[in-house]
Amino acid sequence: MANEDITTIEEALKKGQEALENQNKLLQEFKEKIKGKVVVLYGQAWIGKSLFTLSLSKLFSFSKLFLIDNNYTQDYFNINPKIQVVRIEDPKQLDQMIQKEPPLEDKLIIIDSITTLQTSFISKSYFSPRAYNEFNNFSDKIAKKLSELKPKTTSILIAHEKIQDWDKKIVAPRINFTMLRNCDVRVRMYLEDGQRKLRIEAMREVPKTLTWVIE
């Protein structure tokens, strides 16, 4: 019985190690796909976007989290104790902090979440047309700055998802279009058969050949 117990424990440890190695391999593959790009990662609430991104941050030499959401517990910060955390209270603060960021090799910037910032920005201005235009300009400024940090720095904008078409069951990032159009990669995290999955829905690439058709 003792030998059987030891074997069971050894097998459990081996399986746990194999699972960890497999997870690290998948994270490394994802890093290589998005390295040097501006990424929007979106999905429903509480699906694990923040946890995934913090786990990914451990693979970078430098990482900085601009934290807007207030749902982080200490367990989140324990995932990567080395990540630099900057708590953001309003859009102006984020703007000032982003503008000071230097482009560094193998660096990751995380904004969590841009949806929360957008909501707080507009709600304070009572959804006026002027507020909407101001946020468009703000979004464009932030996106352009993140683009200027490429290809050395990778940036991830975390966003919630929204229903774009109820009939066709199409979802999209709940993010300002001005900012979305400046992103290089759009990734959705979703739940299927009890598993969290990532789907790269779009990636900006320059085609090898360009053709046009005029009708």
N, C-alpha and C. Protein backbone atom coordinates (compact mmCIF):
# COMPACT_ATOMS: atom_id res chain seq x y z
N MET A 1 0.83 -1.21 0.00
CA MET A 1 0.00 0.00 0.00
C MET A 1 0.87 1.26 0.00
N ALA A 2 1.97 1.20 0.80
CA ALA A 2 2.86 2.36 0.88
C ALA A 2 3.44 2.68 -0.49
N ASN A 3 3.89 1.63 -1.21
CA ASN A 3 4.46 1.85 -2.53
C ASN A 3 3.43 2.44 -3.49
N GLU A 4 2.20 1.96 -3.38
CA GLU A 4 1.15 2.47 -4.25
C GLU A 4 0.89 3.95 -3.97
N ASP A 5 0.91 4.32 -2.66
CA ASP A 5 0.68 5.71 -2.29
C ASP A 5 1.79 6.59 -2.84
N ILE A 6 3.03 6.13 -2.72
CA ILE A 6 4.17 6.89 -3.21
C ILE A 6 4.05 7.07 -4.73
N THR A 7 3.70 6.00 -5.42
CA THR A 7 3.54 6.07 -6.87
C THR A 7 2.46 7.08 -7.25
N THR A 8 1.36 7.06 -6.52
CA THR A 8 0.26 7.98 -6.79
C THR A 8 0.70 9.43 -6.62
N ILE A 9 1.44 9.69 -5.54
CA ILE A 9 1.93 11.05 -5.28
C ILE A 9 2.91 11.47 -6.37
N GLU A 10 3.81 10.58 -6.74
CA GLU A 10 4.80 10.90 -7.77
C GLU A 10 4.11 11.19 -9.11
N GLU A 11 3.09 10.41 -9.41
CA GLU A 11 2.37 10.62 -10.66
C GLU A 11 1.64 11.96 -10.64
N ALA A 12 1.06 12.29 -9.48
CA ALA A 12 0.35 13.57 -9.35
C ALA A 12 1.30 14.75 -9.53
N LEU A 13 2.49 14.64 -8.92
CA LEU A 13 3.49 15.70 -9.06
C LEU A 13 3.96 15.82 -10.51
N LYS A 14 4.13 14.67 -11.15
CA LYS A 14 4.58 14.68 -12.54
C LYS A 14 3.53 15.32 -13.44
N LYS A 15 2.26 14.97 -13.21
CA LYS A 15 1.18 15.55 -14.01
C LYS A 15 1.09 17.06 -13.78
N GLY A 16 1.28 17.46 -12.52
CA GLY A 16 1.23 18.88 -12.21
C GLY A 16 2.36 19.65 -12.89
N GLN A 17 3.55 19.05 -12.92
CA GLN A 17 4.70 19.67 -13.58
C GLN A 17 4.48 19.74 -15.08
N GLU A 18 3.93 18.67 -15.64
CA GLU A 18 3.66 18.65 -17.08
C GLU A 18 2.62 19.71 -17.46
N ALA A 19 1.61 19.88 -16.60
CA ALA A 19 0.58 20.89 -16.86
C ALA A 19 1.18 22.29 -16.81
N LEU A 20 2.09 22.51 -15.85
CA LEU A 20 2.75 23.81 -15.72
C LEU A 20 3.63 24.11 -16.93
N GLU A 21 4.38 23.10 -17.37
CA GLU A 21 5.26 23.27 -18.52
C GLU A 21 4.44 23.54 -19.78
N ASN A 22 3.29 22.86 -19.91
CA ASN A 22 2.43 23.07 -21.06
C ASN A 22 1.84 24.48 -21.06
N GLN A 23 1.47 24.96 -19.86
CA GLN A 23 0.93 26.30 -19.73
C GLN A 23 1.98 27.34 -20.11
N ASN A 24 3.20 27.17 -19.63
CA ASN A 24 4.28 28.10 -19.95
C ASN A 24 4.59 28.10 -21.44
N LYS A 25 4.49 26.93 -22.07
CA LYS A 25 4.72 26.82 -23.50
C LYS A 25 3.68 27.61 -24.28
N LEU A 26 2.41 27.49 -23.86
CA LEU A 26 1.33 28.20 -24.53
C LEU A 26 1.47 29.70 -24.33
N LEU A 27 1.87 30.12 -23.14
CA LEU A 27 2.09 31.54 -22.88
C LEU A 27 3.21 32.09 -23.75
N GLN A 28 4.28 31.31 -23.90
CA GLN A 28 5.41 31.73 -24.72
C GLN A 28 5.00 31.85 -26.18
N GLU A 29 4.20 30.92 -26.66
CA GLU A 29 3.71 30.98 -28.04
C GLU A 29 2.85 32.21 -28.26
N PHE A 30 2.01 32.52 -27.29
CA PHE A 30 1.16 33.70 -27.40
C PHE A 30 2.01 34.97 -27.39
N LYS A 31 3.02 34.99 -26.54
CA LYS A 31 3.91 36.15 -26.49
C LYS A 31 4.56 36.40 -27.84
N GLU A 32 5.03 35.36 -28.49
CA GLU A 32 5.69 35.51 -29.78
C GLU A 32 4.73 36.05 -30.84
N LYS A 33 3.46 35.70 -30.75
CA LYS A 33 2.47 36.15 -31.72
C LYS A 33 2.16 37.64 -31.58
N ILE A 34 2.20 38.16 -30.35
CA ILE A 34 1.78 39.54 -30.13
C ILE A 34 2.96 40.48 -29.85
N LYS A 35 4.16 39.96 -29.78
CA LYS A 35 5.32 40.75 -29.40
C LYS A 35 5.49 41.97 -30.30
N GLY A 36 5.66 43.14 -29.66
CA GLY A 36 5.87 44.38 -30.40
C GLY A 36 4.61 44.96 -31.02
N LYS A 37 3.45 44.54 -30.53
CA LYS A 37 2.18 45.00 -31.09
C LYS A 37 1.29 45.60 -30.01
N VAL A 38 0.26 46.32 -30.46
CA VAL A 38 -0.78 46.82 -29.56
C VAL A 38 -1.96 45.87 -29.66
N VAL A 39 -2.35 45.28 -28.53
CA VAL A 39 -3.34 44.21 -28.51
C VAL A 39 -4.56 44.63 -27.68
N VAL A 40 -5.75 44.29 -28.16
CA VAL A 40 -6.94 44.41 -27.32
C VAL A 40 -7.38 43.00 -26.97
N LEU A 41 -7.46 42.72 -25.68
CA LEU A 41 -7.91 41.42 -25.17
C LEU A 41 -9.26 41.64 -24.50
N TYR A 42 -10.30 40.98 -25.02
CA TYR A 42 -11.63 41.23 -24.47
C TYR A 42 -12.36 39.92 -24.18
N GLY A 43 -13.42 40.04 -23.39
CA GLY A 43 -14.21 38.87 -23.01
C GLY A 43 -15.19 39.27 -21.92
N GLN A 44 -16.04 38.34 -21.54
CA GLN A 44 -17.04 38.63 -20.52
C GLN A 44 -16.38 38.83 -19.16
N ALA A 45 -17.11 39.43 -18.24
CA ALA A 45 -16.57 39.71 -16.91
C ALA A 45 -16.23 38.42 -16.17
N TRP A 46 -15.16 38.45 -15.39
CA TRP A 46 -14.74 37.36 -14.51
C TRP A 46 -14.30 36.09 -15.25
N ILE A 47 -13.95 36.22 -16.51
CA ILE A 47 -13.55 35.02 -17.26
C ILE A 47 -12.05 34.73 -17.09
N GLY A 48 -11.27 35.74 -16.64
CA GLY A 48 -9.86 35.48 -16.38
C GLY A 48 -8.89 36.28 -17.23
N LYS A 49 -9.34 37.38 -17.81
CA LYS A 49 -8.47 38.19 -18.66
C LYS A 49 -7.29 38.76 -17.88
N SER A 50 -7.58 39.28 -16.69
CA SER A 50 -6.52 39.87 -15.87
C SER A 50 -5.53 38.82 -15.40
N LEU A 51 -6.03 37.67 -14.97
CA LEU A 51 -5.15 36.60 -14.50
C LEU A 51 -4.24 36.11 -15.61
N PHE A 52 -4.80 35.97 -16.81
CA PHE A 52 -4.00 35.52 -17.95
C PHE A 52 -2.90 36.53 -18.28
N THR A 53 -3.27 37.80 -18.30
CA THR A 53 -2.30 38.83 -18.67
C THR A 53 -1.19 38.96 -17.64
N LEU A 54 -1.54 38.83 -16.37
CA LEU A 54 -0.52 38.87 -15.32
C LEU A 54 0.42 37.68 -15.43
N SER A 55 -0.11 36.51 -15.76
CA SER A 55 0.73 35.32 -15.97
C SER A 55 1.66 35.54 -17.15
N LEU A 56 1.14 36.15 -18.21
CA LEU A 56 1.94 36.45 -19.40
C LEU A 56 3.06 37.44 -19.09
N SER A 57 2.79 38.37 -18.19
CA SER A 57 3.76 39.43 -17.88
C SER A 57 5.07 38.87 -17.31
N LYS A 58 5.01 37.68 -16.73
CA LYS A 58 6.21 37.08 -16.14
C LYS A 58 7.25 36.71 -17.20
N LEU A 59 6.82 36.60 -18.45
CA LEU A 59 7.73 36.22 -19.53
C LEU A 59 8.48 37.41 -20.12
N PHE A 60 8.11 38.62 -19.69
CA PHE A 60 8.77 39.83 -20.20
C PHE A 60 9.83 40.31 -19.20
N SER A 61 10.87 40.96 -19.74
CA SER A 61 11.93 41.48 -18.88
C SER A 61 11.42 42.62 -18.00
N PHE A 62 10.53 43.44 -18.58
CA PHE A 62 9.93 44.55 -17.85
C PHE A 62 8.42 44.52 -18.07
N SER A 63 7.66 44.84 -17.04
CA SER A 63 6.21 44.89 -17.19
C SER A 63 5.62 45.95 -16.28
N LYS A 64 4.61 46.64 -16.80
CA LYS A 64 3.94 47.70 -16.03
C LYS A 64 2.44 47.58 -16.21
N LEU A 65 1.72 47.65 -15.10
CA LEU A 65 0.26 47.56 -15.10
C LEU A 65 -0.34 48.90 -14.72
N PHE A 66 -1.11 49.49 -15.63
CA PHE A 66 -1.90 50.67 -15.32
C PHE A 66 -3.27 50.16 -14.86
N LEU A 67 -3.48 50.19 -13.56
CA LEU A 67 -4.65 49.54 -12.97
C LEU A 67 -5.79 50.54 -12.76
N ILE A 68 -6.90 50.29 -13.46
CA ILE A 68 -8.08 51.13 -13.35
C ILE A 68 -9.18 50.41 -12.58
N ASP A 69 -9.35 49.12 -12.84
CA ASP A 69 -10.36 48.33 -12.12
C ASP A 69 -9.97 48.20 -10.65
N ASN A 70 -10.98 48.08 -9.80
CA ASN A 70 -10.72 47.97 -8.36
C ASN A 70 -11.09 46.60 -7.81
N ASN A 71 -11.11 45.59 -8.69
CA ASN A 71 -11.50 44.24 -8.25
C ASN A 71 -10.30 43.33 -8.04
N TYR A 72 -9.09 43.89 -7.99
CA TYR A 72 -7.91 43.09 -7.75
C TYR A 72 -7.78 42.75 -6.27
N THR A 73 -7.50 41.49 -5.98
CA THR A 73 -7.16 41.07 -4.62
C THR A 73 -5.65 40.84 -4.56
N GLN A 74 -5.13 40.57 -3.39
CA GLN A 74 -3.70 40.36 -3.25
C GLN A 74 -3.23 39.16 -4.06
N ASP A 75 -4.09 38.18 -4.26
CA ASP A 75 -3.73 37.00 -5.05
C ASP A 75 -3.32 37.38 -6.47
N TYR A 76 -3.95 38.41 -6.99
CA TYR A 76 -3.60 38.87 -8.34
C TYR A 76 -2.15 39.35 -8.37
N PHE A 77 -1.78 40.16 -7.40
CA PHE A 77 -0.43 40.73 -7.38
C PHE A 77 0.63 39.67 -7.09
N ASN A 78 0.22 38.58 -6.45
CA ASN A 78 1.17 37.51 -6.16
C ASN A 78 1.58 36.74 -7.41
N ILE A 79 0.81 36.86 -8.48
CA ILE A 79 1.13 36.14 -9.72
C ILE A 79 2.46 36.62 -10.28
N ASN A 80 2.67 37.93 -10.26
CA ASN A 80 3.94 38.49 -10.70
C ASN A 80 4.33 39.63 -9.76
N PRO A 81 5.02 39.31 -8.68
CA PRO A 81 5.40 40.34 -7.69
C PRO A 81 6.31 41.43 -8.27
N LYS A 82 6.95 41.15 -9.41
CA LYS A 82 7.91 42.10 -9.98
C LYS A 82 7.24 43.15 -10.87
N ILE A 83 5.96 42.96 -11.21
CA ILE A 83 5.31 43.90 -12.11
C ILE A 83 5.13 45.25 -11.41
N GLN A 84 5.38 46.32 -12.15
CA GLN A 84 5.19 47.66 -11.60
C GLN A 84 3.72 48.05 -11.76
N VAL A 85 3.10 48.44 -10.65
CA VAL A 85 1.67 48.76 -10.66
C VAL A 85 1.46 50.26 -10.46
N VAL A 86 0.70 50.87 -11.38
CA VAL A 86 0.34 52.28 -11.27
C VAL A 86 -1.17 52.36 -11.22
N ARG A 87 -1.71 52.83 -10.11
CA ARG A 87 -3.16 52.95 -9.97
C ARG A 87 -3.65 54.24 -10.63
N ILE A 88 -4.64 54.08 -11.53
CA ILE A 88 -5.15 55.21 -12.31
C ILE A 88 -6.51 55.63 -11.79
N GLU A 89 -6.67 56.91 -11.50
CA GLU A 89 -7.92 57.44 -10.97
C GLU A 89 -8.78 58.12 -12.03
N ASP A 90 -8.14 58.67 -13.07
CA ASP A 90 -8.91 59.37 -14.10
C ASP A 90 -8.12 59.37 -15.41
N PRO A 91 -8.78 59.67 -16.54
CA PRO A 91 -8.13 59.65 -17.85
C PRO A 91 -6.92 60.56 -17.95
N LYS A 92 -6.99 61.73 -17.33
CA LYS A 92 -5.87 62.67 -17.41
C LYS A 92 -4.60 62.07 -16.83
N GLN A 93 -4.75 61.35 -15.73
CA GLN A 93 -3.59 60.72 -15.11
C GLN A 93 -2.97 59.67 -16.03
N LEU A 94 -3.83 58.86 -16.66
CA LEU A 94 -3.32 57.84 -17.59
C LEU A 94 -2.60 58.49 -18.75
N ASP A 95 -3.17 59.55 -19.27
CA ASP A 95 -2.57 60.28 -20.39
C ASP A 95 -1.17 60.75 -20.01
N GLN A 96 -1.04 61.37 -18.84
CA GLN A 96 0.25 61.89 -18.41
C GLN A 96 1.27 60.78 -18.21
N MET A 97 0.85 59.65 -17.65
CA MET A 97 1.75 58.55 -17.38
C MET A 97 2.21 57.86 -18.66
N ILE A 98 1.27 57.66 -19.59
CA ILE A 98 1.61 56.99 -20.85
C ILE A 98 2.59 57.82 -21.67
N GLN A 99 2.40 59.12 -21.67
CA GLN A 99 3.27 59.99 -22.47
C GLN A 99 4.72 59.94 -22.00
N LYS A 100 4.93 59.56 -20.75
CA LYS A 100 6.29 59.50 -20.20
C LYS A 100 6.97 58.15 -20.44
N GLU A 101 6.22 57.18 -20.95
CA GLU A 101 6.77 55.84 -21.12
C GLU A 101 7.84 55.79 -22.22
N PRO A 102 9.02 55.29 -21.91
CA PRO A 102 10.04 55.11 -22.94
C PRO A 102 9.89 53.74 -23.61
N PRO A 103 10.27 53.61 -24.86
CA PRO A 103 10.24 52.29 -25.51
C PRO A 103 11.40 51.44 -25.02
N LEU A 104 11.09 50.32 -24.40
CA LEU A 104 12.11 49.41 -23.89
C LEU A 104 11.96 48.04 -24.53
N GLU A 105 13.07 47.41 -24.81
CA GLU A 105 13.07 46.07 -25.40
C GLU A 105 12.47 45.07 -24.43
N ASP A 106 11.58 44.21 -24.94
CA ASP A 106 10.95 43.14 -24.16
C ASP A 106 10.20 43.69 -22.95
N LYS A 107 9.41 44.73 -23.20
CA LYS A 107 8.59 45.33 -22.15
C LYS A 107 7.12 45.14 -22.47
N LEU A 108 6.31 44.92 -21.42
CA LEU A 108 4.87 44.77 -21.58
C LEU A 108 4.15 45.85 -20.78
N ILE A 109 3.23 46.55 -21.45
CA ILE A 109 2.35 47.52 -20.79
C ILE A 109 0.94 46.95 -20.80
N ILE A 110 0.27 46.96 -19.64
CA ILE A 110 -1.11 46.47 -19.51
C ILE A 110 -1.99 47.62 -19.02
N ILE A 111 -3.12 47.83 -19.68
CA ILE A 111 -4.13 48.79 -19.20
C ILE A 111 -5.38 47.98 -18.87
N ASP A 112 -5.76 47.95 -17.59
CA ASP A 112 -6.86 47.09 -17.14
C ASP A 112 -7.82 47.89 -16.26
N SER A 113 -9.02 48.21 -16.74
CA SER A 113 -9.42 47.97 -18.12
C SER A 113 -9.78 49.30 -18.77
N ILE A 114 -9.62 49.33 -20.07
CA ILE A 114 -9.93 50.55 -20.82
C ILE A 114 -11.43 50.80 -20.84
N THR A 115 -12.22 49.74 -20.72
CA THR A 115 -13.68 49.89 -20.68
C THR A 115 -14.12 50.65 -19.43
N THR A 116 -13.53 50.31 -18.29
CA THR A 116 -13.86 50.98 -17.04
C THR A 116 -13.52 52.46 -17.11
N LEU A 117 -12.38 52.77 -17.72
CA LEU A 117 -11.97 54.16 -17.85
C LEU A 117 -12.94 54.91 -18.75
N GLN A 118 -13.35 54.29 -19.83
CA GLN A 118 -14.28 54.93 -20.76
C GLN A 118 -15.62 55.21 -20.06
N THR A 119 -16.09 54.25 -19.27
CA THR A 119 -17.36 54.42 -18.57
C THR A 119 -17.30 55.57 -17.57
N SER A 120 -16.22 55.62 -16.80
CA SER A 120 -16.10 56.69 -15.80
C SER A 120 -15.94 58.05 -16.45
N PHE A 121 -15.25 58.09 -17.58
CA PHE A 121 -15.03 59.35 -18.30
C PHE A 121 -16.35 59.93 -18.78
N ILE A 122 -17.16 59.10 -19.43
CA ILE A 122 -18.42 59.57 -20.01
C ILE A 122 -19.46 59.86 -18.93
N SER A 123 -19.51 59.02 -17.89
CA SER A 123 -20.53 59.19 -16.85
C SER A 123 -20.36 60.52 -16.12
N LYS A 124 -19.12 60.95 -15.96
CA LYS A 124 -18.87 62.21 -15.26
C LYS A 124 -19.35 63.40 -16.09
N SER A 125 -19.48 63.19 -17.39
CA SER A 125 -19.91 64.28 -18.27
C SER A 125 -21.34 64.09 -18.75
N TYR A 126 -22.05 63.14 -18.13
CA TYR A 126 -23.47 62.92 -18.41
C TYR A 126 -23.74 62.56 -19.88
N PHE A 127 -22.82 61.81 -20.50
CA PHE A 127 -23.00 61.29 -21.85
C PHE A 127 -23.26 62.39 -22.88
N SER A 128 -22.69 63.55 -22.69
CA SER A 128 -22.90 64.64 -23.64
C SER A 128 -22.10 64.39 -24.91
N PRO A 129 -22.53 64.95 -26.05
CA PRO A 129 -21.76 64.81 -27.30
C PRO A 129 -20.34 65.33 -27.15
N ARG A 130 -20.19 66.40 -26.38
CA ARG A 130 -18.86 66.97 -26.17
C ARG A 130 -17.96 65.98 -25.45
N ALA A 131 -18.52 65.31 -24.44
CA ALA A 131 -17.74 64.31 -23.69
C ALA A 131 -17.32 63.16 -24.60
N TYR A 132 -18.22 62.75 -25.48
CA TYR A 132 -17.91 61.66 -26.40
C TYR A 132 -16.76 62.04 -27.33
N ASN A 133 -16.78 63.27 -27.84
CA ASN A 133 -15.71 63.73 -28.72
C ASN A 133 -14.39 63.85 -27.96
N GLU A 134 -14.50 64.32 -26.72
CA GLU A 134 -13.29 64.44 -25.90
C GLU A 134 -12.66 63.06 -25.66
N PHE A 135 -13.51 62.07 -25.42
CA PHE A 135 -12.98 60.73 -25.18
C PHE A 135 -12.40 60.15 -26.47
N ASN A 136 -12.99 60.46 -27.61
CA ASN A 136 -12.42 60.02 -28.89
C ASN A 136 -11.00 60.56 -29.05
N ASN A 137 -10.84 61.84 -28.75
CA ASN A 137 -9.52 62.46 -28.88
C ASN A 137 -8.54 61.87 -27.88
N PHE A 138 -9.02 61.62 -26.68
CA PHE A 138 -8.18 61.00 -25.64
C PHE A 138 -7.74 59.60 -26.08
N SER A 139 -8.69 58.82 -26.58
CA SER A 139 -8.40 57.45 -27.02
C SER A 139 -7.37 57.44 -28.14
N ASP A 140 -7.53 58.35 -29.07
CA ASP A 140 -6.62 58.45 -30.21
C ASP A 140 -5.20 58.78 -29.73
N LYS A 141 -5.12 59.67 -28.76
CA LYS A 141 -3.82 60.08 -28.22
C LYS A 141 -3.11 58.92 -27.52
N ILE A 142 -3.87 58.17 -26.71
CA ILE A 142 -3.29 57.02 -26.00
C ILE A 142 -2.84 55.95 -26.99
N ALA A 143 -3.70 55.66 -27.97
CA ALA A 143 -3.38 54.62 -28.96
C ALA A 143 -2.14 54.99 -29.78
N LYS A 144 -2.04 56.24 -30.15
CA LYS A 144 -0.88 56.69 -30.94
C LYS A 144 0.41 56.56 -30.13
N LYS A 145 0.34 56.90 -28.85
CA LYS A 145 1.52 56.79 -28.01
C LYS A 145 1.96 55.34 -27.86
N LEU A 146 1.00 54.44 -27.66
CA LEU A 146 1.33 53.02 -27.56
C LEU A 146 1.94 52.52 -28.87
N SER A 147 1.44 53.03 -29.98
CA SER A 147 1.98 52.64 -31.29
C SER A 147 3.41 53.12 -31.45
N GLU A 148 3.72 54.27 -30.88
CA GLU A 148 5.07 54.82 -30.97
C GLU A 148 6.09 53.97 -30.19
N LEU A 149 5.60 53.20 -29.24
CA LEU A 149 6.49 52.36 -28.43
C LEU A 149 6.87 51.07 -29.15
N LYS A 150 6.18 50.77 -30.25
CA LYS A 150 6.50 49.58 -31.05
C LYS A 150 7.80 49.81 -31.79
N PRO A 151 8.52 48.77 -32.18
CA PRO A 151 8.26 47.35 -31.92
C PRO A 151 8.91 46.81 -30.64
N LYS A 152 9.55 47.71 -29.88
CA LYS A 152 10.22 47.24 -28.67
C LYS A 152 9.23 46.83 -27.58
N THR A 153 8.20 47.66 -27.40
CA THR A 153 7.25 47.44 -26.31
C THR A 153 5.95 46.84 -26.81
N THR A 154 5.44 45.87 -26.08
CA THR A 154 4.13 45.26 -26.35
C THR A 154 3.10 45.87 -25.41
N SER A 155 1.91 46.17 -25.92
CA SER A 155 0.86 46.76 -25.09
C SER A 155 -0.42 45.92 -25.19
N ILE A 156 -1.07 45.71 -24.05
CA ILE A 156 -2.35 44.99 -24.02
C ILE A 156 -3.41 45.86 -23.36
N LEU A 157 -4.48 46.12 -24.10
CA LEU A 157 -5.64 46.84 -23.57
C LEU A 157 -6.70 45.81 -23.22
N ILE A 158 -7.06 45.71 -21.96
CA ILE A 158 -8.09 44.76 -21.54
C ILE A 158 -9.45 45.46 -21.62
N ALA A 159 -10.43 44.78 -22.23
CA ALA A 159 -11.75 45.36 -22.41
C ALA A 159 -12.83 44.32 -22.14
N HIS A 160 -14.02 44.78 -21.80
CA HIS A 160 -15.17 43.90 -21.66
C HIS A 160 -15.76 43.66 -23.05
N GLU A 161 -16.71 42.74 -23.14
CA GLU A 161 -17.33 42.50 -24.43
C GLU A 161 -18.77 43.00 -24.43
N LYS A 162 -19.28 43.24 -25.63
CA LYS A 162 -20.66 43.69 -25.80
C LYS A 162 -21.31 42.88 -26.91
N ILE A 163 -22.62 42.84 -26.90
CA ILE A 163 -23.37 42.17 -27.96
C ILE A 163 -23.49 43.13 -29.14
N GLN A 164 -22.90 42.74 -30.25
CA GLN A 164 -22.97 43.60 -31.45
C GLN A 164 -24.18 43.27 -32.30
N ASP A 165 -24.54 41.99 -32.35
CA ASP A 165 -25.70 41.56 -33.11
C ASP A 165 -26.39 40.42 -32.35
N TRP A 166 -27.57 40.69 -31.79
CA TRP A 166 -28.27 39.69 -30.99
C TRP A 166 -28.70 38.49 -31.83
N ASP A 167 -29.18 38.75 -33.03
CA ASP A 167 -29.69 37.66 -33.88
C ASP A 167 -28.58 36.71 -34.31
N LYS A 168 -27.44 37.28 -34.69
CA LYS A 168 -26.33 36.46 -35.17
C LYS A 168 -25.37 36.05 -34.04
N LYS A 169 -25.67 36.53 -32.82
CA LYS A 169 -24.85 36.22 -31.63
C LYS A 169 -23.39 36.63 -31.83
N ILE A 170 -23.23 37.84 -32.35
CA ILE A 170 -21.89 38.37 -32.59
C ILE A 170 -21.52 39.31 -31.45
N VAL A 171 -20.33 39.10 -30.88
CA VAL A 171 -19.84 39.97 -29.80
C VAL A 171 -18.64 40.76 -30.30
N ALA A 172 -18.34 41.84 -29.60
CA ALA A 172 -17.23 42.72 -29.98
C ALA A 172 -16.66 43.37 -28.73
N PRO A 173 -15.46 43.90 -28.81
CA PRO A 173 -14.89 44.59 -27.64
C PRO A 173 -15.70 45.84 -27.31
N ARG A 174 -15.95 46.04 -26.03
CA ARG A 174 -16.63 47.26 -25.58
C ARG A 174 -15.56 48.32 -25.39
N ILE A 175 -15.17 48.88 -26.51
CA ILE A 175 -14.04 49.81 -26.53
C ILE A 175 -14.29 50.88 -27.59
N ASN A 176 -13.77 52.04 -27.34
CA ASN A 176 -13.91 53.14 -28.28
C ASN A 176 -13.32 52.77 -29.64
N PHE A 177 -14.07 53.05 -30.72
CA PHE A 177 -13.63 52.63 -32.05
C PHE A 177 -12.33 53.32 -32.45
N THR A 178 -12.15 54.56 -32.01
CA THR A 178 -10.92 55.29 -32.36
C THR A 178 -9.70 54.56 -31.84
N MET A 179 -9.82 54.00 -30.63
CA MET A 179 -8.70 53.24 -30.06
C MET A 179 -8.59 51.87 -30.70
N LEU A 180 -9.73 51.24 -30.98
CA LEU A 180 -9.72 49.90 -31.55
C LEU A 180 -9.04 49.87 -32.92
N ARG A 181 -9.27 50.90 -33.72
CA ARG A 181 -8.70 50.91 -35.07
C ARG A 181 -7.18 51.05 -35.05
N ASN A 182 -6.63 51.50 -33.92
CA ASN A 182 -5.18 51.64 -33.80
C ASN A 182 -4.51 50.40 -33.22
N CYS A 183 -5.31 49.38 -32.90
CA CYS A 183 -4.75 48.13 -32.37
C CYS A 183 -4.30 47.21 -33.50
N ASP A 184 -3.28 46.42 -33.24
CA ASP A 184 -2.75 45.51 -34.25
C ASP A 184 -3.38 44.13 -34.17
N VAL A 185 -3.79 43.74 -32.96
CA VAL A 185 -4.32 42.40 -32.75
C VAL A 185 -5.57 42.48 -31.88
N ARG A 186 -6.60 41.72 -32.26
CA ARG A 186 -7.82 41.63 -31.45
C ARG A 186 -7.99 40.18 -31.02
N VAL A 187 -8.03 39.97 -29.69
CA VAL A 187 -8.11 38.62 -29.12
C VAL A 187 -9.32 38.52 -28.20
N ARG A 188 -10.07 37.44 -28.33
CA ARG A 188 -11.21 37.22 -27.45
C ARG A 188 -10.96 36.02 -26.55
N MET A 189 -11.25 36.17 -25.26
CA MET A 189 -11.23 35.06 -24.32
C MET A 189 -12.68 34.64 -24.07
N TYR A 190 -12.94 33.35 -24.18
CA TYR A 190 -14.30 32.86 -24.02
C TYR A 190 -14.29 31.49 -23.35
N LEU A 191 -15.46 31.08 -22.90
CA LEU A 191 -15.59 29.80 -22.20
C LEU A 191 -16.31 28.81 -23.10
N GLU A 192 -15.69 27.62 -23.25
CA GLU A 192 -16.29 26.58 -24.08
C GLU A 192 -15.99 25.21 -23.47
N ASP A 193 -17.04 24.44 -23.21
CA ASP A 193 -16.89 23.11 -22.60
C ASP A 193 -16.10 23.16 -21.30
N GLY A 194 -16.36 24.22 -20.53
CA GLY A 194 -15.70 24.35 -19.23
C GLY A 194 -14.25 24.80 -19.29
N GLN A 195 -13.76 25.15 -20.49
CA GLN A 195 -12.38 25.57 -20.65
C GLN A 195 -12.32 27.02 -21.15
N ARG A 196 -11.36 27.75 -20.61
CA ARG A 196 -11.11 29.12 -21.09
C ARG A 196 -10.25 29.03 -22.35
N LYS A 197 -10.70 29.70 -23.40
CA LYS A 197 -9.97 29.63 -24.66
C LYS A 197 -9.70 31.04 -25.19
N LEU A 198 -8.64 31.15 -25.99
CA LEU A 198 -8.29 32.41 -26.63
C LEU A 198 -8.39 32.26 -28.13
N ARG A 199 -9.02 33.23 -28.76
CA ARG A 199 -9.10 33.23 -30.22
C ARG A 199 -8.57 34.55 -30.77
N ILE A 200 -7.54 34.48 -31.60
CA ILE A 200 -7.05 35.68 -32.28
C ILE A 200 -7.98 35.94 -33.46
N GLU A 201 -8.81 36.96 -33.31
CA GLU A 201 -9.85 37.24 -34.31
C GLU A 201 -9.33 38.07 -35.48
N ALA A 202 -8.37 38.92 -35.21
CA ALA A 202 -7.84 39.78 -36.28
C ALA A 202 -6.42 40.17 -35.94
N MET A 203 -5.58 40.26 -36.98
CA MET A 203 -4.21 40.69 -36.82
C MET A 203 -3.82 41.56 -38.01
N ARG A 204 -3.35 42.75 -37.71
CA ARG A 204 -2.96 43.68 -38.77
C ARG A 204 -1.67 43.20 -39.42
N GLU A 205 -1.74 42.94 -40.71
CA GLU A 205 -0.57 42.50 -41.46
C GLU A 205 -0.51 43.22 -42.80
N VAL A 206 0.69 43.49 -43.24
CA VAL A 206 0.86 44.09 -44.56
C VAL A 206 0.91 42.98 -45.59
N PRO A 207 -0.04 42.94 -46.55
CA PRO A 207 -0.04 41.88 -47.54
C PRO A 207 1.16 41.98 -48.47
N LYS A 208 1.59 40.82 -48.97
CA LYS A 208 2.75 40.79 -49.87
C LYS A 208 2.41 41.43 -51.21
N THR A 209 1.19 41.29 -51.64
CA THR A 209 0.75 41.91 -52.90
C THR A 209 -0.56 42.64 -52.67
N LEU A 210 -0.73 43.77 -53.34
CA LEU A 210 -1.95 44.55 -53.21
C LEU A 210 -2.68 44.59 -54.56
N THR A 211 -3.96 44.30 -54.53
CA THR A 211 -4.76 44.37 -55.75
C THR A 211 -6.08 45.09 -55.45
N TRP A 212 -6.58 45.80 -56.46
CA TRP A 212 -7.85 46.50 -56.31
C TRP A 212 -8.73 46.14 -57.49
N VAL A 213 -10.02 46.17 -57.25
CA VAL A 213 -11.00 45.95 -58.30
C VAL A 213 -11.93 47.15 -58.36
N ILE A 214 -12.04 47.77 -59.51
CA ILE A 214 -12.92 48.92 -59.70
C ILE A 214 -14.12 48.49 -60.51
N GLU A 215 -15.30 48.67 -59.93
CA GLU A 215 -16.52 48.27 -60.63
C GLU A 215 -17.24 49.48 -61.20
